[in-house]
N, C-alpha and C. Protein backbone atom coordinates (compact mmCIF):
# COMPACT_ATOMS: atom_id res chain seq x y z
N MET A 1 0.45 24.65 2.96
CA MET A 1 1.80 24.16 3.21
C MET A 1 2.03 22.89 2.39
N SER A 2 3.18 22.82 1.73
CA SER A 2 3.47 21.63 0.93
C SER A 2 4.28 20.64 1.75
N HIS A 3 4.10 19.39 1.43
CA HIS A 3 4.81 18.32 2.13
C HIS A 3 5.50 17.44 1.10
N TRP A 4 6.65 16.88 1.49
CA TRP A 4 7.35 15.91 0.65
C TRP A 4 6.75 14.54 0.91
N PRO A 5 6.50 13.80 -0.16
CA PRO A 5 6.59 14.19 -1.56
C PRO A 5 5.33 14.90 -2.03
N ASP A 6 5.46 15.63 -3.15
CA ASP A 6 4.29 16.23 -3.77
C ASP A 6 3.35 15.13 -4.24
N GLU A 7 2.07 15.48 -4.38
CA GLU A 7 1.11 14.52 -4.92
C GLU A 7 1.50 14.15 -6.36
N PHE A 8 1.25 12.91 -6.72
CA PHE A 8 1.54 12.43 -8.07
C PHE A 8 0.61 11.28 -8.40
N SER A 9 0.54 10.95 -9.67
CA SER A 9 -0.19 9.77 -10.16
C SER A 9 0.77 8.95 -11.00
N VAL A 10 0.60 7.64 -10.98
CA VAL A 10 1.38 6.74 -11.83
C VAL A 10 0.42 5.73 -12.45
N GLU A 11 0.80 5.24 -13.63
CA GLU A 11 -0.10 4.36 -14.37
C GLU A 11 0.69 3.26 -15.05
N GLY A 12 0.16 2.05 -15.00
CA GLY A 12 0.75 0.92 -15.68
C GLY A 12 -0.24 0.32 -16.66
N LYS A 13 -0.03 -0.92 -17.00
CA LYS A 13 -0.90 -1.61 -17.96
C LYS A 13 -2.28 -1.91 -17.37
N HIS A 14 -2.29 -2.32 -16.09
CA HIS A 14 -3.53 -2.76 -15.45
C HIS A 14 -4.08 -1.80 -14.42
N VAL A 15 -3.24 -0.92 -13.89
CA VAL A 15 -3.61 -0.14 -12.72
C VAL A 15 -3.16 1.30 -12.87
N ALA A 16 -3.94 2.20 -12.28
CA ALA A 16 -3.53 3.60 -12.10
C ALA A 16 -3.57 3.88 -10.60
N VAL A 17 -2.58 4.58 -10.10
CA VAL A 17 -2.49 4.93 -8.69
C VAL A 17 -2.57 6.45 -8.63
N VAL A 18 -3.66 6.95 -8.03
CA VAL A 18 -3.95 8.38 -8.07
C VAL A 18 -4.22 8.90 -6.67
N PRO A 19 -4.01 10.21 -6.43
CA PRO A 19 -4.30 10.76 -5.09
C PRO A 19 -5.73 10.47 -4.68
N LEU A 20 -5.89 10.03 -3.45
CA LEU A 20 -7.20 9.67 -2.89
C LEU A 20 -8.02 10.93 -2.63
N THR A 21 -9.27 10.92 -3.07
CA THR A 21 -10.21 12.01 -2.79
C THR A 21 -11.57 11.42 -2.45
N MET A 22 -12.48 12.30 -2.01
CA MET A 22 -13.83 11.84 -1.73
C MET A 22 -14.57 11.41 -2.99
N ASP A 23 -14.05 11.75 -4.16
CA ASP A 23 -14.65 11.28 -5.41
C ASP A 23 -14.61 9.76 -5.53
N HIS A 24 -13.72 9.11 -4.78
CA HIS A 24 -13.57 7.65 -4.84
C HIS A 24 -14.48 6.93 -3.85
N GLU A 25 -15.24 7.68 -3.05
CA GLU A 25 -16.01 7.09 -1.95
C GLU A 25 -16.97 5.99 -2.41
N SER A 26 -17.75 6.25 -3.44
CA SER A 26 -18.75 5.27 -3.87
C SER A 26 -18.12 3.96 -4.31
N ASP A 27 -17.07 4.05 -5.14
CA ASP A 27 -16.37 2.84 -5.59
C ASP A 27 -15.78 2.09 -4.40
N LEU A 28 -15.20 2.82 -3.46
CA LEU A 28 -14.51 2.17 -2.34
C LEU A 28 -15.50 1.56 -1.35
N LYS A 29 -16.68 2.14 -1.23
CA LYS A 29 -17.72 1.50 -0.40
C LYS A 29 -18.08 0.15 -0.98
N GLU A 30 -18.26 0.10 -2.30
CA GLU A 30 -18.57 -1.16 -2.96
C GLU A 30 -17.39 -2.15 -2.81
N ALA A 31 -16.17 -1.64 -2.95
CA ALA A 31 -14.98 -2.49 -2.81
C ALA A 31 -14.89 -3.07 -1.41
N ALA A 32 -15.17 -2.25 -0.40
CA ALA A 32 -15.09 -2.71 0.99
C ALA A 32 -16.13 -3.78 1.30
N ALA A 33 -17.24 -3.76 0.56
CA ALA A 33 -18.30 -4.76 0.78
C ALA A 33 -17.98 -6.09 0.10
N ASP A 34 -17.04 -6.10 -0.82
CA ASP A 34 -16.69 -7.30 -1.58
C ASP A 34 -15.82 -8.21 -0.72
N GLY A 35 -16.41 -9.24 -0.17
CA GLY A 35 -15.64 -10.22 0.61
C GLY A 35 -15.61 -9.97 2.09
N GLU A 36 -16.31 -8.95 2.59
CA GLU A 36 -16.34 -8.64 4.03
C GLU A 36 -14.92 -8.60 4.62
N LEU A 37 -14.04 -7.88 3.93
CA LEU A 37 -12.64 -7.82 4.35
C LEU A 37 -12.46 -7.22 5.74
N HIS A 38 -13.39 -6.38 6.15
CA HIS A 38 -13.30 -5.74 7.47
C HIS A 38 -13.36 -6.75 8.62
N ARG A 39 -13.78 -7.96 8.32
CA ARG A 39 -13.86 -8.98 9.37
C ARG A 39 -12.51 -9.65 9.66
N LEU A 40 -11.50 -9.40 8.83
CA LEU A 40 -10.17 -9.96 9.10
C LEU A 40 -9.62 -9.33 10.38
N TRP A 41 -9.34 -10.14 11.37
CA TRP A 41 -8.98 -9.61 12.69
C TRP A 41 -7.57 -9.04 12.74
N TYR A 42 -6.69 -9.43 11.83
CA TYR A 42 -5.28 -9.07 11.91
C TYR A 42 -4.91 -7.89 11.01
N THR A 43 -5.91 -7.22 10.45
CA THR A 43 -5.64 -6.05 9.62
C THR A 43 -6.77 -5.06 9.82
N SER A 44 -6.63 -3.86 9.28
CA SER A 44 -7.64 -2.83 9.49
C SER A 44 -8.15 -2.35 8.13
N ILE A 45 -9.33 -2.84 7.76
CA ILE A 45 -9.98 -2.47 6.51
C ILE A 45 -11.35 -1.92 6.89
N PRO A 46 -11.73 -0.77 6.33
CA PRO A 46 -12.99 -0.18 6.76
C PRO A 46 -14.21 -0.99 6.32
N THR A 47 -15.27 -0.87 7.12
CA THR A 47 -16.57 -1.38 6.68
C THR A 47 -17.04 -0.45 5.55
N PRO A 48 -18.02 -0.89 4.77
CA PRO A 48 -18.55 0.03 3.75
C PRO A 48 -19.00 1.36 4.34
N ASP A 49 -19.66 1.32 5.51
CA ASP A 49 -20.11 2.56 6.14
C ASP A 49 -18.95 3.39 6.71
N GLY A 50 -17.79 2.76 6.90
CA GLY A 50 -16.65 3.47 7.46
C GLY A 50 -15.69 4.04 6.42
N VAL A 51 -16.01 3.84 5.13
CA VAL A 51 -15.10 4.28 4.07
C VAL A 51 -14.92 5.79 4.07
N SER A 52 -15.99 6.53 4.22
CA SER A 52 -15.90 8.00 4.21
C SER A 52 -14.98 8.50 5.31
N ALA A 53 -15.14 7.96 6.52
CA ALA A 53 -14.27 8.37 7.64
C ALA A 53 -12.82 8.00 7.37
N GLU A 54 -12.61 6.83 6.73
CA GLU A 54 -11.23 6.40 6.45
C GLU A 54 -10.59 7.30 5.40
N ILE A 55 -11.34 7.69 4.38
CA ILE A 55 -10.80 8.62 3.38
C ILE A 55 -10.42 9.93 4.07
N ASN A 56 -11.32 10.44 4.91
CA ASN A 56 -11.04 11.69 5.63
C ASN A 56 -9.83 11.57 6.55
N ARG A 57 -9.70 10.41 7.22
CA ARG A 57 -8.55 10.19 8.11
C ARG A 57 -7.25 10.24 7.32
N ARG A 58 -7.23 9.57 6.19
CA ARG A 58 -6.01 9.53 5.38
C ARG A 58 -5.69 10.92 4.81
N ILE A 59 -6.70 11.63 4.37
CA ILE A 59 -6.47 12.98 3.84
C ILE A 59 -5.95 13.90 4.94
N SER A 60 -6.46 13.76 6.16
CA SER A 60 -5.99 14.61 7.26
C SER A 60 -4.53 14.29 7.61
N LEU A 61 -4.13 13.02 7.47
CA LEU A 61 -2.73 12.67 7.69
C LEU A 61 -1.84 13.25 6.59
N ARG A 62 -2.38 13.40 5.40
CA ARG A 62 -1.65 14.08 4.33
C ARG A 62 -1.36 15.52 4.73
N GLU A 63 -2.34 16.16 5.35
CA GLU A 63 -2.19 17.56 5.75
C GLU A 63 -1.11 17.74 6.81
N THR A 64 -0.81 16.69 7.58
CA THR A 64 0.27 16.77 8.58
C THR A 64 1.62 16.35 8.00
N GLY A 65 1.60 15.78 6.78
CA GLY A 65 2.85 15.36 6.13
C GLY A 65 3.28 13.95 6.44
N SER A 66 2.47 13.18 7.18
CA SER A 66 2.90 11.83 7.55
C SER A 66 2.41 10.76 6.58
N MET A 67 1.49 11.12 5.67
CA MET A 67 0.93 10.12 4.76
C MET A 67 0.62 10.78 3.42
N LEU A 68 0.77 10.01 2.35
CA LEU A 68 0.31 10.41 1.02
C LEU A 68 -0.60 9.28 0.54
N PRO A 69 -1.94 9.47 0.62
CA PRO A 69 -2.86 8.37 0.31
C PRO A 69 -3.25 8.33 -1.17
N PHE A 70 -3.49 7.11 -1.64
CA PHE A 70 -3.85 6.87 -3.04
C PHE A 70 -5.08 5.99 -3.15
N ALA A 71 -5.83 6.19 -4.22
CA ALA A 71 -6.83 5.22 -4.66
C ALA A 71 -6.19 4.35 -5.74
N ILE A 72 -6.52 3.08 -5.73
CA ILE A 72 -6.02 2.14 -6.73
C ILE A 72 -7.14 1.92 -7.74
N ILE A 73 -6.87 2.28 -8.98
CA ILE A 73 -7.89 2.22 -10.04
C ILE A 73 -7.60 1.02 -10.95
N ASP A 74 -8.58 0.16 -11.10
CA ASP A 74 -8.51 -0.94 -12.06
C ASP A 74 -8.81 -0.35 -13.43
N LYS A 75 -7.82 -0.35 -14.31
CA LYS A 75 -7.99 0.29 -15.61
C LYS A 75 -9.04 -0.41 -16.47
N ALA A 76 -9.25 -1.70 -16.25
CA ALA A 76 -10.25 -2.43 -17.04
C ALA A 76 -11.65 -1.89 -16.78
N SER A 77 -11.94 -1.53 -15.54
CA SER A 77 -13.28 -1.04 -15.19
C SER A 77 -13.31 0.47 -15.01
N GLY A 78 -12.16 1.08 -14.79
CA GLY A 78 -12.10 2.51 -14.51
C GLY A 78 -12.54 2.87 -13.11
N ARG A 79 -12.66 1.87 -12.24
CA ARG A 79 -13.18 2.11 -10.88
C ARG A 79 -12.12 1.88 -9.82
N ALA A 80 -12.26 2.59 -8.70
CA ALA A 80 -11.37 2.38 -7.55
C ALA A 80 -11.67 1.04 -6.92
N VAL A 81 -10.63 0.23 -6.71
CA VAL A 81 -10.82 -1.11 -6.14
C VAL A 81 -10.06 -1.29 -4.83
N GLY A 82 -9.41 -0.22 -4.35
CA GLY A 82 -8.69 -0.31 -3.09
C GLY A 82 -7.95 0.98 -2.80
N MET A 83 -7.19 0.94 -1.71
CA MET A 83 -6.40 2.08 -1.26
C MET A 83 -4.99 1.62 -0.94
N THR A 84 -4.06 2.55 -1.02
CA THR A 84 -2.71 2.32 -0.53
C THR A 84 -2.13 3.68 -0.15
N THR A 85 -0.95 3.69 0.46
CA THR A 85 -0.34 4.96 0.88
C THR A 85 1.18 4.87 0.86
N TYR A 86 1.79 6.04 0.78
CA TYR A 86 3.12 6.23 1.35
C TYR A 86 2.81 6.72 2.77
N MET A 87 3.39 6.09 3.76
CA MET A 87 3.13 6.48 5.15
C MET A 87 4.43 6.49 5.94
N ASN A 88 4.34 6.94 7.19
CA ASN A 88 5.54 7.10 8.02
C ASN A 88 6.64 7.79 7.20
N ILE A 89 6.23 8.85 6.51
CA ILE A 89 7.14 9.57 5.61
C ILE A 89 8.22 10.28 6.42
N ASP A 90 9.45 10.04 6.04
CA ASP A 90 10.61 10.67 6.69
C ASP A 90 11.37 11.43 5.62
N ALA A 91 10.99 12.71 5.42
CA ALA A 91 11.58 13.52 4.34
C ALA A 91 13.07 13.72 4.54
N GLY A 92 13.50 13.93 5.78
CA GLY A 92 14.91 14.19 6.06
C GLY A 92 15.81 13.03 5.67
N ASN A 93 15.31 11.82 5.87
CA ASN A 93 16.10 10.62 5.56
C ASN A 93 15.65 9.94 4.28
N LYS A 94 14.72 10.56 3.56
CA LYS A 94 14.24 10.03 2.27
C LYS A 94 13.82 8.57 2.38
N ARG A 95 12.88 8.34 3.31
CA ARG A 95 12.33 7.01 3.53
C ARG A 95 10.81 7.11 3.52
N VAL A 96 10.17 6.10 2.95
CA VAL A 96 8.72 5.97 3.03
C VAL A 96 8.38 4.52 3.31
N GLU A 97 7.21 4.32 3.84
CA GLU A 97 6.64 2.98 3.96
C GLU A 97 5.47 2.90 3.00
N ILE A 98 5.36 1.81 2.25
CA ILE A 98 4.17 1.54 1.46
C ILE A 98 3.28 0.66 2.31
N GLY A 99 2.10 1.19 2.66
CA GLY A 99 1.26 0.41 3.56
C GLY A 99 -0.18 0.88 3.58
N SER A 100 -0.92 0.35 4.57
CA SER A 100 -2.36 0.57 4.67
C SER A 100 -3.03 0.27 3.33
N THR A 101 -2.61 -0.86 2.74
CA THR A 101 -3.09 -1.26 1.42
C THR A 101 -4.18 -2.32 1.55
N TRP A 102 -5.23 -2.15 0.79
CA TRP A 102 -6.24 -3.20 0.68
C TRP A 102 -6.90 -3.13 -0.69
N TYR A 103 -7.40 -4.28 -1.15
CA TYR A 103 -8.09 -4.42 -2.43
C TYR A 103 -9.38 -5.18 -2.22
N ARG A 104 -10.37 -4.90 -3.03
CA ARG A 104 -11.59 -5.70 -2.99
C ARG A 104 -11.24 -7.15 -3.30
N ALA A 105 -11.98 -8.09 -2.74
CA ALA A 105 -11.65 -9.51 -2.85
C ALA A 105 -11.57 -9.98 -4.30
N SER A 106 -12.44 -9.46 -5.17
CA SER A 106 -12.52 -9.97 -6.54
C SER A 106 -11.30 -9.63 -7.39
N VAL A 107 -10.44 -8.71 -6.97
CA VAL A 107 -9.24 -8.40 -7.76
C VAL A 107 -7.96 -8.90 -7.09
N GLN A 108 -8.08 -9.52 -5.92
CA GLN A 108 -6.90 -10.04 -5.25
C GLN A 108 -6.32 -11.22 -6.03
N ARG A 109 -5.03 -11.43 -5.89
CA ARG A 109 -4.29 -12.51 -6.54
C ARG A 109 -4.26 -12.37 -8.06
N GLY A 110 -4.48 -11.16 -8.53
CA GLY A 110 -4.35 -10.85 -9.95
C GLY A 110 -3.15 -9.94 -10.16
N PRO A 111 -3.08 -9.26 -11.30
CA PRO A 111 -1.89 -8.46 -11.62
C PRO A 111 -1.84 -7.09 -10.94
N LEU A 112 -2.93 -6.64 -10.31
CA LEU A 112 -2.98 -5.26 -9.83
C LEU A 112 -1.98 -4.97 -8.72
N ASN A 113 -1.89 -5.83 -7.72
CA ASN A 113 -1.04 -5.52 -6.57
C ASN A 113 0.43 -5.44 -6.97
N THR A 114 0.92 -6.41 -7.74
CA THR A 114 2.33 -6.38 -8.14
C THR A 114 2.64 -5.11 -8.92
N GLU A 115 1.75 -4.77 -9.87
CA GLU A 115 2.01 -3.58 -10.68
C GLU A 115 1.92 -2.31 -9.83
N CYS A 116 0.96 -2.24 -8.93
CA CYS A 116 0.82 -1.08 -8.05
C CYS A 116 2.08 -0.89 -7.22
N LYS A 117 2.55 -1.96 -6.59
CA LYS A 117 3.76 -1.87 -5.76
C LYS A 117 4.97 -1.49 -6.62
N PHE A 118 5.06 -2.08 -7.81
CA PHE A 118 6.16 -1.74 -8.72
C PHE A 118 6.16 -0.25 -9.02
N LEU A 119 5.00 0.30 -9.36
CA LEU A 119 4.93 1.73 -9.71
C LEU A 119 5.31 2.62 -8.53
N LEU A 120 4.86 2.26 -7.32
CA LEU A 120 5.20 3.07 -6.15
C LEU A 120 6.67 2.93 -5.76
N LEU A 121 7.21 1.73 -5.90
CA LEU A 121 8.65 1.54 -5.65
C LEU A 121 9.48 2.31 -6.67
N GLN A 122 9.11 2.20 -7.93
CA GLN A 122 9.84 2.89 -8.99
C GLN A 122 9.85 4.40 -8.74
N TYR A 123 8.71 4.94 -8.37
CA TYR A 123 8.64 6.37 -8.11
C TYR A 123 9.50 6.75 -6.91
N ALA A 124 9.43 5.94 -5.86
CA ALA A 124 10.20 6.23 -4.65
C ALA A 124 11.70 6.24 -4.92
N PHE A 125 12.19 5.25 -5.65
CA PHE A 125 13.63 5.15 -5.88
C PHE A 125 14.12 6.03 -7.03
N GLU A 126 13.32 6.17 -8.08
CA GLU A 126 13.80 6.84 -9.28
C GLU A 126 13.41 8.32 -9.36
N GLN A 127 12.34 8.71 -8.69
CA GLN A 127 11.94 10.12 -8.70
C GLN A 127 12.23 10.82 -7.37
N LEU A 128 12.01 10.11 -6.27
CA LEU A 128 12.21 10.71 -4.95
C LEU A 128 13.58 10.45 -4.37
N ASP A 129 14.36 9.57 -5.02
CA ASP A 129 15.70 9.25 -4.56
C ASP A 129 15.72 8.70 -3.13
N CYS A 130 14.71 7.87 -2.83
CA CYS A 130 14.64 7.27 -1.48
C CYS A 130 15.83 6.35 -1.23
N ILE A 131 16.24 6.30 0.03
CA ILE A 131 17.31 5.37 0.41
C ILE A 131 16.75 4.02 0.82
N ALA A 132 15.44 4.00 1.20
CA ALA A 132 14.80 2.75 1.60
C ALA A 132 13.30 2.91 1.53
N VAL A 133 12.63 1.80 1.23
CA VAL A 133 11.17 1.73 1.28
C VAL A 133 10.83 0.57 2.20
N GLU A 134 9.96 0.84 3.17
CA GLU A 134 9.57 -0.17 4.16
C GLU A 134 8.19 -0.74 3.84
N PHE A 135 7.96 -1.93 4.38
CA PHE A 135 6.64 -2.55 4.40
C PHE A 135 6.47 -3.13 5.80
N ARG A 136 5.30 -2.96 6.39
CA ARG A 136 5.03 -3.52 7.71
C ARG A 136 3.69 -4.24 7.66
N THR A 137 3.61 -5.34 8.39
CA THR A 137 2.35 -6.07 8.45
C THR A 137 2.30 -6.89 9.74
N HIS A 138 1.10 -7.31 10.09
CA HIS A 138 0.91 -8.17 11.26
C HIS A 138 1.67 -9.48 11.04
N PHE A 139 2.36 -9.94 12.05
CA PHE A 139 3.10 -11.19 11.96
C PHE A 139 2.20 -12.34 11.50
N MET A 140 0.92 -12.31 11.90
CA MET A 140 0.00 -13.40 11.57
C MET A 140 -0.62 -13.28 10.18
N ASN A 141 -0.37 -12.18 9.47
CA ASN A 141 -0.98 -11.96 8.16
C ASN A 141 -0.12 -12.63 7.08
N ALA A 142 -0.30 -13.93 6.94
CA ALA A 142 0.53 -14.72 6.03
C ALA A 142 0.39 -14.26 4.59
N GLN A 143 -0.83 -13.90 4.16
CA GLN A 143 -1.03 -13.46 2.78
C GLN A 143 -0.21 -12.19 2.50
N SER A 144 -0.26 -11.25 3.42
CA SER A 144 0.50 -10.01 3.25
C SER A 144 2.00 -10.26 3.29
N ARG A 145 2.45 -11.06 4.24
CA ARG A 145 3.88 -11.35 4.35
C ARG A 145 4.40 -12.04 3.09
N ASN A 146 3.64 -13.02 2.58
CA ASN A 146 4.05 -13.71 1.36
C ASN A 146 4.13 -12.74 0.18
N GLY A 147 3.15 -11.83 0.09
CA GLY A 147 3.15 -10.85 -0.98
C GLY A 147 4.34 -9.91 -0.91
N ILE A 148 4.67 -9.47 0.30
CA ILE A 148 5.82 -8.57 0.49
C ILE A 148 7.11 -9.29 0.12
N GLU A 149 7.24 -10.54 0.54
CA GLU A 149 8.45 -11.31 0.22
C GLU A 149 8.56 -11.59 -1.27
N ARG A 150 7.42 -11.80 -1.94
CA ARG A 150 7.45 -12.01 -3.40
C ARG A 150 7.94 -10.77 -4.14
N LEU A 151 7.75 -9.60 -3.55
CA LEU A 151 8.27 -8.37 -4.17
C LEU A 151 9.80 -8.33 -4.17
N GLY A 152 10.40 -9.04 -3.23
CA GLY A 152 11.86 -8.99 -3.09
C GLY A 152 12.31 -8.24 -1.85
N ALA A 153 11.37 -7.84 -1.00
CA ALA A 153 11.74 -7.16 0.25
C ALA A 153 12.34 -8.16 1.23
N LYS A 154 13.23 -7.67 2.06
CA LYS A 154 13.89 -8.52 3.06
C LYS A 154 13.36 -8.19 4.46
N LEU A 155 13.24 -9.22 5.27
CA LEU A 155 12.76 -9.05 6.64
C LEU A 155 13.83 -8.37 7.48
N ASP A 156 13.50 -7.21 8.03
CA ASP A 156 14.41 -6.51 8.94
C ASP A 156 14.28 -7.07 10.35
N GLY A 157 13.08 -7.49 10.72
CA GLY A 157 12.87 -8.05 12.05
C GLY A 157 11.42 -7.98 12.46
N ILE A 158 11.14 -8.43 13.68
CA ILE A 158 9.80 -8.44 14.23
C ILE A 158 9.77 -7.50 15.43
N LEU A 159 8.87 -6.52 15.39
CA LEU A 159 8.66 -5.66 16.56
C LEU A 159 7.60 -6.34 17.42
N ARG A 160 8.04 -6.93 18.52
CA ARG A 160 7.13 -7.73 19.34
C ARG A 160 6.29 -6.84 20.25
N SER A 161 5.01 -7.21 20.39
CA SER A 161 4.04 -6.41 21.15
C SER A 161 4.14 -4.94 20.74
N HIS A 162 4.12 -4.72 19.45
CA HIS A 162 4.35 -3.40 18.89
C HIS A 162 3.14 -2.47 19.03
N MET A 163 1.93 -3.03 18.88
CA MET A 163 0.73 -2.21 18.90
C MET A 163 -0.42 -2.99 19.53
N VAL A 164 -1.39 -2.24 20.05
CA VAL A 164 -2.63 -2.86 20.50
C VAL A 164 -3.62 -2.79 19.35
N SER A 165 -4.10 -3.95 18.91
CA SER A 165 -5.05 -4.02 17.80
C SER A 165 -6.44 -3.60 18.26
N GLU A 166 -7.32 -3.34 17.29
CA GLU A 166 -8.68 -2.91 17.61
C GLU A 166 -9.42 -3.92 18.48
N ASN A 167 -9.09 -5.21 18.32
CA ASN A 167 -9.78 -6.23 19.12
C ASN A 167 -9.11 -6.47 20.48
N GLY A 168 -8.10 -5.65 20.80
CA GLY A 168 -7.44 -5.74 22.10
C GLY A 168 -6.22 -6.64 22.14
N THR A 169 -5.96 -7.39 21.07
CA THR A 169 -4.78 -8.25 21.06
C THR A 169 -3.53 -7.42 20.77
N LEU A 170 -2.39 -7.95 21.17
CA LEU A 170 -1.12 -7.28 20.88
C LEU A 170 -0.61 -7.72 19.52
N ARG A 171 -0.23 -6.76 18.70
CA ARG A 171 0.26 -7.05 17.36
C ARG A 171 1.77 -7.11 17.37
N ASP A 172 2.31 -8.24 16.89
CA ASP A 172 3.73 -8.33 16.53
C ASP A 172 3.82 -7.87 15.08
N THR A 173 4.67 -6.90 14.79
CA THR A 173 4.76 -6.31 13.46
C THR A 173 6.00 -6.81 12.74
N ALA A 174 5.80 -7.42 11.57
CA ALA A 174 6.91 -7.84 10.72
C ALA A 174 7.32 -6.65 9.86
N VAL A 175 8.59 -6.27 9.94
CA VAL A 175 9.11 -5.11 9.22
C VAL A 175 10.04 -5.59 8.10
N TYR A 176 9.73 -5.15 6.89
CA TYR A 176 10.52 -5.49 5.70
C TYR A 176 11.02 -4.21 5.06
N SER A 177 12.05 -4.33 4.23
CA SER A 177 12.47 -3.17 3.45
C SER A 177 13.17 -3.60 2.17
N ILE A 178 13.19 -2.65 1.25
CA ILE A 178 14.04 -2.70 0.06
C ILE A 178 14.89 -1.45 0.13
N ILE A 179 16.19 -1.59 -0.02
CA ILE A 179 17.07 -0.43 0.03
C ILE A 179 17.52 -0.07 -1.38
N ALA A 180 18.01 1.15 -1.53
CA ALA A 180 18.26 1.71 -2.86
C ALA A 180 19.17 0.82 -3.71
N CYS A 181 20.22 0.27 -3.13
CA CYS A 181 21.15 -0.54 -3.92
C CYS A 181 20.52 -1.84 -4.41
N GLU A 182 19.42 -2.27 -3.78
CA GLU A 182 18.72 -3.49 -4.19
C GLU A 182 17.70 -3.24 -5.29
N TRP A 183 17.33 -1.97 -5.50
CA TRP A 183 16.26 -1.67 -6.43
C TRP A 183 16.50 -2.19 -7.84
N PRO A 184 17.68 -2.06 -8.45
CA PRO A 184 17.84 -2.58 -9.81
C PRO A 184 17.50 -4.07 -9.93
N THR A 185 17.90 -4.86 -8.95
CA THR A 185 17.59 -6.30 -8.99
C THR A 185 16.11 -6.54 -8.76
N VAL A 186 15.54 -5.83 -7.77
CA VAL A 186 14.11 -5.97 -7.50
C VAL A 186 13.30 -5.53 -8.73
N LYS A 187 13.72 -4.44 -9.36
CA LYS A 187 13.02 -3.95 -10.56
C LYS A 187 13.05 -4.99 -11.68
N ALA A 188 14.21 -5.60 -11.91
CA ALA A 188 14.32 -6.63 -12.95
C ALA A 188 13.42 -7.81 -12.62
N HIS A 189 13.39 -8.21 -11.35
CA HIS A 189 12.56 -9.33 -10.91
C HIS A 189 11.08 -9.04 -11.11
N LEU A 190 10.63 -7.85 -10.68
CA LEU A 190 9.22 -7.51 -10.80
C LEU A 190 8.81 -7.33 -12.25
N THR A 191 9.70 -6.75 -13.05
CA THR A 191 9.40 -6.60 -14.48
C THR A 191 9.20 -7.97 -15.12
N TRP A 192 10.07 -8.92 -14.79
CA TRP A 192 9.94 -10.29 -15.30
C TRP A 192 8.63 -10.91 -14.85
N LYS A 193 8.28 -10.73 -13.57
CA LYS A 193 7.03 -11.31 -13.05
C LYS A 193 5.81 -10.74 -13.78
N MET A 194 5.84 -9.43 -14.05
CA MET A 194 4.70 -8.80 -14.70
C MET A 194 4.59 -9.19 -16.18
N GLU A 195 5.73 -9.54 -16.79
CA GLU A 195 5.73 -9.91 -18.21
C GLU A 195 5.53 -11.40 -18.44
N MET A 196 5.60 -12.20 -17.38
CA MET A 196 5.42 -13.65 -17.53
C MET A 196 4.04 -13.96 -18.10
N PRO A 197 3.97 -14.96 -19.00
CA PRO A 197 2.63 -15.38 -19.43
C PRO A 197 1.87 -15.99 -18.25
N ARG A 198 0.61 -15.72 -18.16
CA ARG A 198 -0.19 -16.21 -17.01
C ARG A 198 -0.76 -17.58 -17.31
């Protein structure tokens, strides 16, 4: 059974975003070990030993049509350095959320995340004709919220006591979006950011 959207790959100067498979397991285990990211209490990143189960979980959600998971490939090394997804897919209303994203610590704060998000946004608006793309994160995850706001997404609101986190705390979820009419401006902004001298 096919699900919207079909699987696809996109590639930029620094990053390739490709459908997630078990072929990425070894790279992603190493990535998950870089910086002990799984210890962050306000997000969910697998331990190195949990990477295989997480890949399988995401692939099984693809089979139900609710997620399209990707591996993020650093073109300089040719290796997978993280994961991201289209999730909470709403084919009828042409909406996706870009989420469940993580990168190994050594590539954070570099060009990969901006380019990855740009490529997924561009595909959503220009190929899939989406009316909106959402981003959601823990209210306390300042790094993620700052990154989402730097993309040009606007805060829709806070879903208070939205979820029970793995550690038993209640998560307030910050919900952001970019809507179709905003994409040309966001695209110009992100293109400028990616072309800026570092």
